[in-house]
Amino acid sequence: MFSADPQSPSSAKANTPLKVHCGQENIDYKAQKALLAKVDKGEISIADLKAKGRQLLDEQEPVTA
């Protein structure tokens, strides 16, 4: 459980992984969001997404900014 005191060692230790990755882009996350946007627009059906989601994600064009 996390301590309420932000200066406690356990809180500092818990935040360390967040600091290490701060500012790095998660390309997979952007690709997933783009794929879900296609589902929302009706370009891809939910059934197709469930059946071949990984394949569709791998086929997704790289997303920038």
PDB file of N, CA and C in Angstrom:
ATOM      1  N   MET A   1       0.840  -1.179   0.000  1.00  0.00           N
ATOM      2  CA  MET A   1       0.000   0.000   0.000  1.00  0.00           C
ATOM      3  C   MET A   1       0.879   1.234   0.000  1.00  0.00           C
ATOM      4  N   PHE A   2       0.452   2.282  -0.672  1.00  0.00           N
ATOM      5  CA  PHE A   2       1.235   3.501  -0.744  1.00  0.00           C
ATOM      6  C   PHE A   2       0.993   4.353   0.486  1.00  0.00           C
ATOM      7  N   SER A   3       2.038   5.002   0.921  1.00  0.00           N
ATOM      8  CA  SER A   3       1.947   5.904   2.052  1.00  0.00           C
ATOM      9  C   SER A   3       1.425   7.251   1.571  1.00  0.00           C
ATOM     10  N   ALA A   4       0.717   7.962   2.429  1.00  0.00           N
ATOM     11  CA  ALA A   4       0.175   9.266   2.071  1.00  0.00           C
ATOM     12  C   ALA A   4       1.272  10.330   2.043  1.00  0.00           C
ATOM     13  N   ASP A   5       2.398  10.076   2.710  1.00  0.00           N
ATOM     14  CA  ASP A   5       3.497  11.033   2.772  1.00  0.00           C
ATOM     15  C   ASP A   5       4.314  10.972   1.491  1.00  0.00           C
ATOM     16  N   PRO A   6       4.354  12.065   0.700  1.00  0.00           N
ATOM     17  CA  PRO A   6       5.087  12.030  -0.563  1.00  0.00           C
ATOM     18  C   PRO A   6       6.598  11.905  -0.392  1.00  0.00           C
ATOM     19  N   GLN A   7       7.099  12.172   0.818  1.00  0.00           N
ATOM     20  CA  GLN A   7       8.536  12.073   1.074  1.00  0.00           C
ATOM     21  C   GLN A   7       8.956  10.699   1.572  1.00  0.00           C
ATOM     22  N   SER A   8       7.990   9.819   1.782  1.00  0.00           N
ATOM     23  CA  SER A   8       8.333   8.496   2.301  1.00  0.00           C
ATOM     24  C   SER A   8       9.077   7.699   1.237  1.00  0.00           C
ATOM     25  N   PRO A   9       9.968   6.810   1.647  1.00  0.00           N
ATOM     26  CA  PRO A   9      10.744   6.020   0.681  1.00  0.00           C
ATOM     27  C   PRO A   9       9.875   5.188  -0.256  1.00  0.00           C
ATOM     28  N   SER A  10       8.752   4.669   0.256  1.00  0.00           N
ATOM     29  CA  SER A  10       7.930   3.827  -0.602  1.00  0.00           C
ATOM     30  C   SER A  10       7.290   4.636  -1.731  1.00  0.00           C
ATOM     31  N   SER A  11       6.915   5.889  -1.457  1.00  0.00           N
ATOM     32  CA  SER A  11       6.342   6.730  -2.503  1.00  0.00           C
ATOM     33  C   SER A  11       7.389   7.088  -3.548  1.00  0.00           C
ATOM     34  N   ALA A  12       8.583   7.414  -3.100  1.00  0.00           N
ATOM     35  CA  ALA A  12       9.652   7.758  -4.033  1.00  0.00           C
ATOM     36  C   ALA A  12      10.005   6.560  -4.899  1.00  0.00           C
ATOM     37  N   LYS A  13      10.026   5.394  -4.287  1.00  0.00           N
ATOM     38  CA  LYS A  13      10.354   4.179  -5.021  1.00  0.00           C
ATOM     39  C   LYS A  13       9.264   3.867  -6.045  1.00  0.00           C
ATOM     40  N   ALA A  14       8.012   4.095  -5.698  1.00  0.00           N
ATOM     41  CA  ALA A  14       6.900   3.813  -6.601  1.00  0.00           C
ATOM     42  C   ALA A  14       6.910   4.760  -7.801  1.00  0.00           C
ATOM     43  N   ASN A  15       7.378   5.984  -7.611  1.00  0.00           N
ATOM     44  CA  ASN A  15       7.380   6.965  -8.697  1.00  0.00           C
ATOM     45  C   ASN A  15       8.599   6.847  -9.602  1.00  0.00           C
ATOM     46  N   THR A  16       9.621   6.133  -9.195  1.00  0.00           N
ATOM     47  CA  THR A  16      10.845   6.027  -9.982  1.00  0.00           C
ATOM     48  C   THR A  16      10.598   5.499 -11.393  1.00  0.00           C
ATOM     49  N   PRO A  17       9.827   4.422 -11.593  1.00  0.00           N
ATOM     50  CA  PRO A  17       9.608   3.953 -12.966  1.00  0.00           C
ATOM     51  C   PRO A  17       8.917   5.000 -13.839  1.00  0.00           C
ATOM     52  N   LEU A  18       8.044   5.805 -13.247  1.00  0.00           N
ATOM     53  CA  LEU A  18       7.366   6.849 -14.014  1.00  0.00           C
ATOM     54  C   LEU A  18       8.353   7.910 -14.469  1.00  0.00           C
ATOM     55  N   LYS A  19       9.294   8.270 -13.614  1.00  0.00           N
ATOM     56  CA  LYS A  19      10.290   9.274 -13.962  1.00  0.00           C
ATOM     57  C   LYS A  19      11.221   8.774 -15.054  1.00  0.00           C
ATOM     58  N   VAL A  20      11.548   7.507 -15.017  1.00  0.00           N
ATOM     59  CA  VAL A  20      12.465   6.937 -15.996  1.00  0.00           C
ATOM     60  C   VAL A  20      11.879   7.017 -17.397  1.00  0.00           C
ATOM     61  N   HIS A  21      10.579   6.812 -17.543  1.00  0.00           N
ATOM     62  CA  HIS A  21       9.934   6.760 -18.844  1.00  0.00           C
ATOM     63  C   HIS A  21       9.280   8.084 -19.244  1.00  0.00           C
ATOM     64  N   CYS A  22       9.437   9.093 -18.430  1.00  0.00           N
ATOM     65  CA  CYS A  22       8.812  10.386 -18.713  1.00  0.00           C
ATOM     66  C   CYS A  22       9.358  10.951 -20.022  1.00  0.00           C
ATOM     67  N   GLY A  23       8.457  11.357 -20.900  1.00  0.00           N
ATOM     68  CA  GLY A  23       8.855  11.957 -22.165  1.00  0.00           C
ATOM     69  C   GLY A  23       9.041  10.979 -23.308  1.00  0.00           C
ATOM     70  N   GLN A  24       8.978   9.679 -23.035  1.00  0.00           N
ATOM     71  CA  GLN A  24       9.122   8.691 -24.103  1.00  0.00           C
ATOM     72  C   GLN A  24       7.762   8.429 -24.734  1.00  0.00           C
ATOM     73  N   GLU A  25       7.760   8.274 -26.050  1.00  0.00           N
ATOM     74  CA  GLU A  25       6.515   7.991 -26.751  1.00  0.00           C
ATOM     75  C   GLU A  25       6.232   6.501 -26.755  1.00  0.00           C
ATOM     76  N   ASN A  26       4.977   6.156 -26.598  1.00  0.00           N
ATOM     77  CA  ASN A  26       4.557   4.768 -26.677  1.00  0.00           C
ATOM     78  C   ASN A  26       3.878   4.578 -28.031  1.00  0.00           C
ATOM     79  N   ILE A  27       4.626   4.046 -28.981  1.00  0.00           N
ATOM     80  CA  ILE A  27       4.140   3.900 -30.347  1.00  0.00           C
ATOM     81  C   ILE A  27       2.971   2.915 -30.408  1.00  0.00           C
ATOM     82  N   ASP A  28       3.040   1.839 -29.623  1.00  0.00           N
ATOM     83  CA  ASP A  28       1.943   0.865 -29.611  1.00  0.00           C
ATOM     84  C   ASP A  28       0.637   1.516 -29.167  1.00  0.00           C
ATOM     85  N   TYR A  29       0.720   2.367 -28.168  1.00  0.00           N
ATOM     86  CA  TYR A  29      -0.480   3.033 -27.659  1.00  0.00           C
ATOM     87  C   TYR A  29      -1.108   3.897 -28.748  1.00  0.00           C
ATOM     88  N   LYS A  30      -0.274   4.633 -29.482  1.00  0.00           N
ATOM     89  CA  LYS A  30      -0.797   5.480 -30.550  1.00  0.00           C
ATOM     90  C   LYS A  30      -1.421   4.642 -31.659  1.00  0.00           C
ATOM     91  N   ALA A  31      -0.808   3.514 -31.980  1.00  0.00           N
ATOM     92  CA  ALA A  31      -1.351   2.630 -33.010  1.00  0.00           C
ATOM     93  C   ALA A  31      -2.685   2.039 -32.555  1.00  0.00           C
ATOM     94  N   GLN A  32      -2.781   1.679 -31.284  1.00  0.00           N
ATOM     95  CA  GLN A  32      -4.026   1.136 -30.746  1.00  0.00           C
ATOM     96  C   GLN A  32      -5.134   2.178 -30.816  1.00  0.00           C
ATOM     97  N   LYS A  33      -4.811   3.418 -30.450  1.00  0.00           N
ATOM     98  CA  LYS A  33      -5.809   4.483 -30.507  1.00  0.00           C
ATOM     99  C   LYS A  33      -6.267   4.717 -31.939  1.00  0.00           C
ATOM    100  N   ALA A  34      -5.336   4.675 -32.895  1.00  0.00           N
ATOM    101  CA  ALA A  34      -5.690   4.874 -34.298  1.00  0.00           C
ATOM    102  C   ALA A  34      -6.586   3.737 -34.797  1.00  0.00           C
ATOM    103  N   LEU A  35      -6.271   2.516 -34.360  1.00  0.00           N
ATOM    104  CA  LEU A  35      -7.080   1.363 -34.746  1.00  0.00           C
ATOM    105  C   LEU A  35      -8.490   1.477 -34.167  1.00  0.00           C
ATOM    106  N   LEU A  36      -8.591   1.883 -32.914  1.00  0.00           N
ATOM    107  CA  LEU A  36      -9.903   2.060 -32.290  1.00  0.00           C
ATOM    108  C   LEU A  36     -10.687   3.197 -32.956  1.00  0.00           C
ATOM    109  N   ALA A  37      -9.981   4.212 -33.444  1.00  0.00           N
ATOM    110  CA  ALA A  37     -10.654   5.299 -34.162  1.00  0.00           C
ATOM    111  C   ALA A  37     -11.280   4.766 -35.452  1.00  0.00           C
ATOM    112  N   LYS A  38     -10.591   3.823 -36.111  1.00  0.00           N
ATOM    113  CA  LYS A  38     -11.146   3.212 -37.322  1.00  0.00           C
ATOM    114  C   LYS A  38     -12.398   2.404 -36.996  1.00  0.00           C
ATOM    115  N   VAL A  39     -12.401   1.754 -35.837  1.00  0.00           N
ATOM    116  CA  VAL A  39     -13.582   1.002 -35.403  1.00  0.00           C
ATOM    117  C   VAL A  39     -14.731   1.980 -35.146  1.00  0.00           C
ATOM    118  N   ASP A  40     -14.426   3.081 -34.477  1.00  0.00           N
ATOM    119  CA  ASP A  40     -15.456   4.085 -34.190  1.00  0.00           C
ATOM    120  C   ASP A  40     -16.051   4.673 -35.471  1.00  0.00           C
ATOM    121  N   LYS A  41     -15.220   4.830 -36.506  1.00  0.00           N
ATOM    122  CA  LYS A  41     -15.691   5.379 -37.789  1.00  0.00           C
ATOM    123  C   LYS A  41     -16.436   4.340 -38.615  1.00  0.00           C
ATOM    124  N   GLY A  42     -16.351   3.071 -38.217  1.00  0.00           N
ATOM    125  CA  GLY A  42     -17.022   2.018 -38.953  1.00  0.00           C
ATOM    126  C   GLY A  42     -16.177   1.411 -40.062  1.00  0.00           C
ATOM    127  N   GLU A  43     -14.909   1.790 -40.130  1.00  0.00           N
ATOM    128  CA  GLU A  43     -14.015   1.250 -41.164  1.00  0.00           C
ATOM    129  C   GLU A  43     -13.650  -0.207 -40.868  1.00  0.00           C
ATOM    130  N   ILE A  44     -13.649  -0.567 -39.589  1.00  0.00           N
ATOM    131  CA  ILE A  44     -13.339  -1.932 -39.150  1.00  0.00           C
ATOM    132  C   ILE A  44     -14.441  -2.351 -38.185  1.00  0.00           C
ATOM    133  N   SER A  45     -14.948  -3.572 -38.355  1.00  0.00           N
ATOM    134  CA  SER A  45     -16.011  -4.031 -37.455  1.00  0.00           C
ATOM    135  C   SER A  45     -15.397  -4.550 -36.150  1.00  0.00           C
ATOM    136  N   ILE A  46     -16.200  -4.548 -35.120  1.00  0.00           N
ATOM    137  CA  ILE A  46     -15.748  -5.059 -33.825  1.00  0.00           C
ATOM    138  C   ILE A  46     -15.435  -6.546 -33.933  1.00  0.00           C
ATOM    139  N   ALA A  47     -16.214  -7.264 -34.739  1.00  0.00           N
ATOM    140  CA  ALA A  47     -15.960  -8.695 -34.934  1.00  0.00           C
ATOM    141  C   ALA A  47     -14.585  -8.920 -35.560  1.00  0.00           C
ATOM    142  N   ASP A  48     -14.233  -8.100 -36.562  1.00  0.00           N
ATOM    143  CA  ASP A  48     -12.909  -8.213 -37.179  1.00  0.00           C
ATOM    144  C   ASP A  48     -11.811  -7.873 -36.175  1.00  0.00           C
ATOM    145  N   LEU A  49     -12.055  -6.855 -35.381  1.00  0.00           N
ATOM    146  CA  LEU A  49     -11.071  -6.454 -34.369  1.00  0.00           C
ATOM    147  C   LEU A  49     -10.829  -7.581 -33.374  1.00  0.00           C
ATOM    148  N   LYS A  50     -11.907  -8.230 -32.937  1.00  0.00           N
ATOM    149  CA  LYS A  50     -11.770  -9.338 -31.994  1.00  0.00           C
ATOM    150  C   LYS A  50     -11.095 -10.545 -32.635  1.00  0.00           C
ATOM    151  N   ALA A  51     -11.420 -10.815 -33.892  1.00  0.00           N
ATOM    152  CA  ALA A  51     -10.896 -12.007 -34.570  1.00  0.00           C
ATOM    153  C   ALA A  51      -9.430 -11.867 -34.956  1.00  0.00           C
ATOM    154  N   LYS A  52      -9.060 -10.684 -35.421  1.00  0.00           N
ATOM    155  CA  LYS A  52      -7.684 -10.523 -35.898  1.00  0.00           C
ATOM    156  C   LYS A  52      -7.084  -9.192 -35.458  1.00  0.00           C
ATOM    157  N   GLY A  53      -7.240  -8.901 -34.202  1.00  0.00           N
ATOM    158  CA  GLY A  53      -6.761  -7.639 -33.643  1.00  0.00           C
ATOM    159  C   GLY A  53      -5.270  -7.421 -33.773  1.00  0.00           C
ATOM    160  N   ARG A  54      -4.479  -8.424 -33.427  1.00  0.00           N
ATOM    161  CA  ARG A  54      -3.026  -8.292 -33.505  1.00  0.00           C
ATOM    162  C   ARG A  54      -2.591  -8.063 -34.947  1.00  0.00           C
ATOM    163  N   GLN A  55      -3.189  -8.780 -35.873  1.00  0.00           N
ATOM    164  CA  GLN A  55      -2.842  -8.621 -37.287  1.00  0.00           C
ATOM    165  C   GLN A  55      -3.183  -7.201 -37.753  1.00  0.00           C
ATOM    166  N   LEU A  56      -4.355  -6.712 -37.377  1.00  0.00           N
ATOM    167  CA  LEU A  56      -4.754  -5.361 -37.758  1.00  0.00           C
ATOM    168  C   LEU A  56      -3.819  -4.321 -37.135  1.00  0.00           C
ATOM    169  N   LEU A  57      -3.403  -4.559 -35.911  1.00  0.00           N
ATOM    170  CA  LEU A  57      -2.499  -3.640 -35.239  1.00  0.00           C
ATOM    171  C   LEU A  57      -1.143  -3.638 -35.922  1.00  0.00           C
ATOM    172  N   ASP A  58      -0.673  -4.818 -36.311  1.00  0.00           N
ATOM    173  CA  ASP A  58       0.615  -4.906 -36.998  1.00  0.00           C
ATOM    174  C   ASP A  58       0.565  -4.241 -38.377  1.00  0.00           C
ATOM    175  N   GLU A  59      -0.599  -4.271 -39.019  1.00  0.00           N
ATOM    176  CA  GLU A  59      -0.764  -3.670 -40.339  1.00  0.00           C
ATOM    177  C   GLU A  59      -0.968  -2.155 -40.254  1.00  0.00           C
ATOM    178  N   GLN A  60      -1.259  -1.666 -39.053  1.00  0.00           N
ATOM    179  CA  GLN A  60      -1.516  -0.250 -38.844  1.00  0.00           C
ATOM    180  C   GLN A  60      -0.270   0.563 -39.231  1.00  0.00           C
ATOM    181  N   GLU A  61      -0.479   1.613 -39.999  1.00  0.00           N
ATOM    182  CA  GLU A  61       0.636   2.478 -40.398  1.00  0.00           C
ATOM    183  C   GLU A  61       1.169   3.188 -39.169  1.00  0.00           C
ATOM    184  N   PRO A  62       2.480   3.463 -39.146  1.00  0.00           N
ATOM    185  CA  PRO A  62       3.055   4.159 -38.000  1.00  0.00           C
ATOM    186  C   PRO A  62       2.384   5.518 -37.785  1.00  0.00           C
ATOM    187  N   VAL A  63       2.138   5.825 -36.532  1.00  0.00           N
ATOM    188  CA  VAL A  63       1.472   7.064 -36.176  1.00  0.00           C
ATOM    189  C   VAL A  63       2.519   8.003 -35.586  1.00  0.00           C
ATOM    190  N   THR A  64       2.532   9.233 -36.032  1.00  0.00           N
ATOM    191  CA  THR A  64       3.456  10.220 -35.473  1.00  0.00           C
ATOM    192  C   THR A  64       2.668  11.325 -34.805  1.00  0.00           C
ATOM    193  N   ALA A  65       3.264  11.864 -33.754  1.00  0.00           N
ATOM    194  CA  ALA A  65       2.696  12.950 -32.956  1.00  0.00           C
ATOM    195  C   ALA A  65       1.247  12.884 -32.954  1.00  0.00           C
TER     196      ALA A  65
END
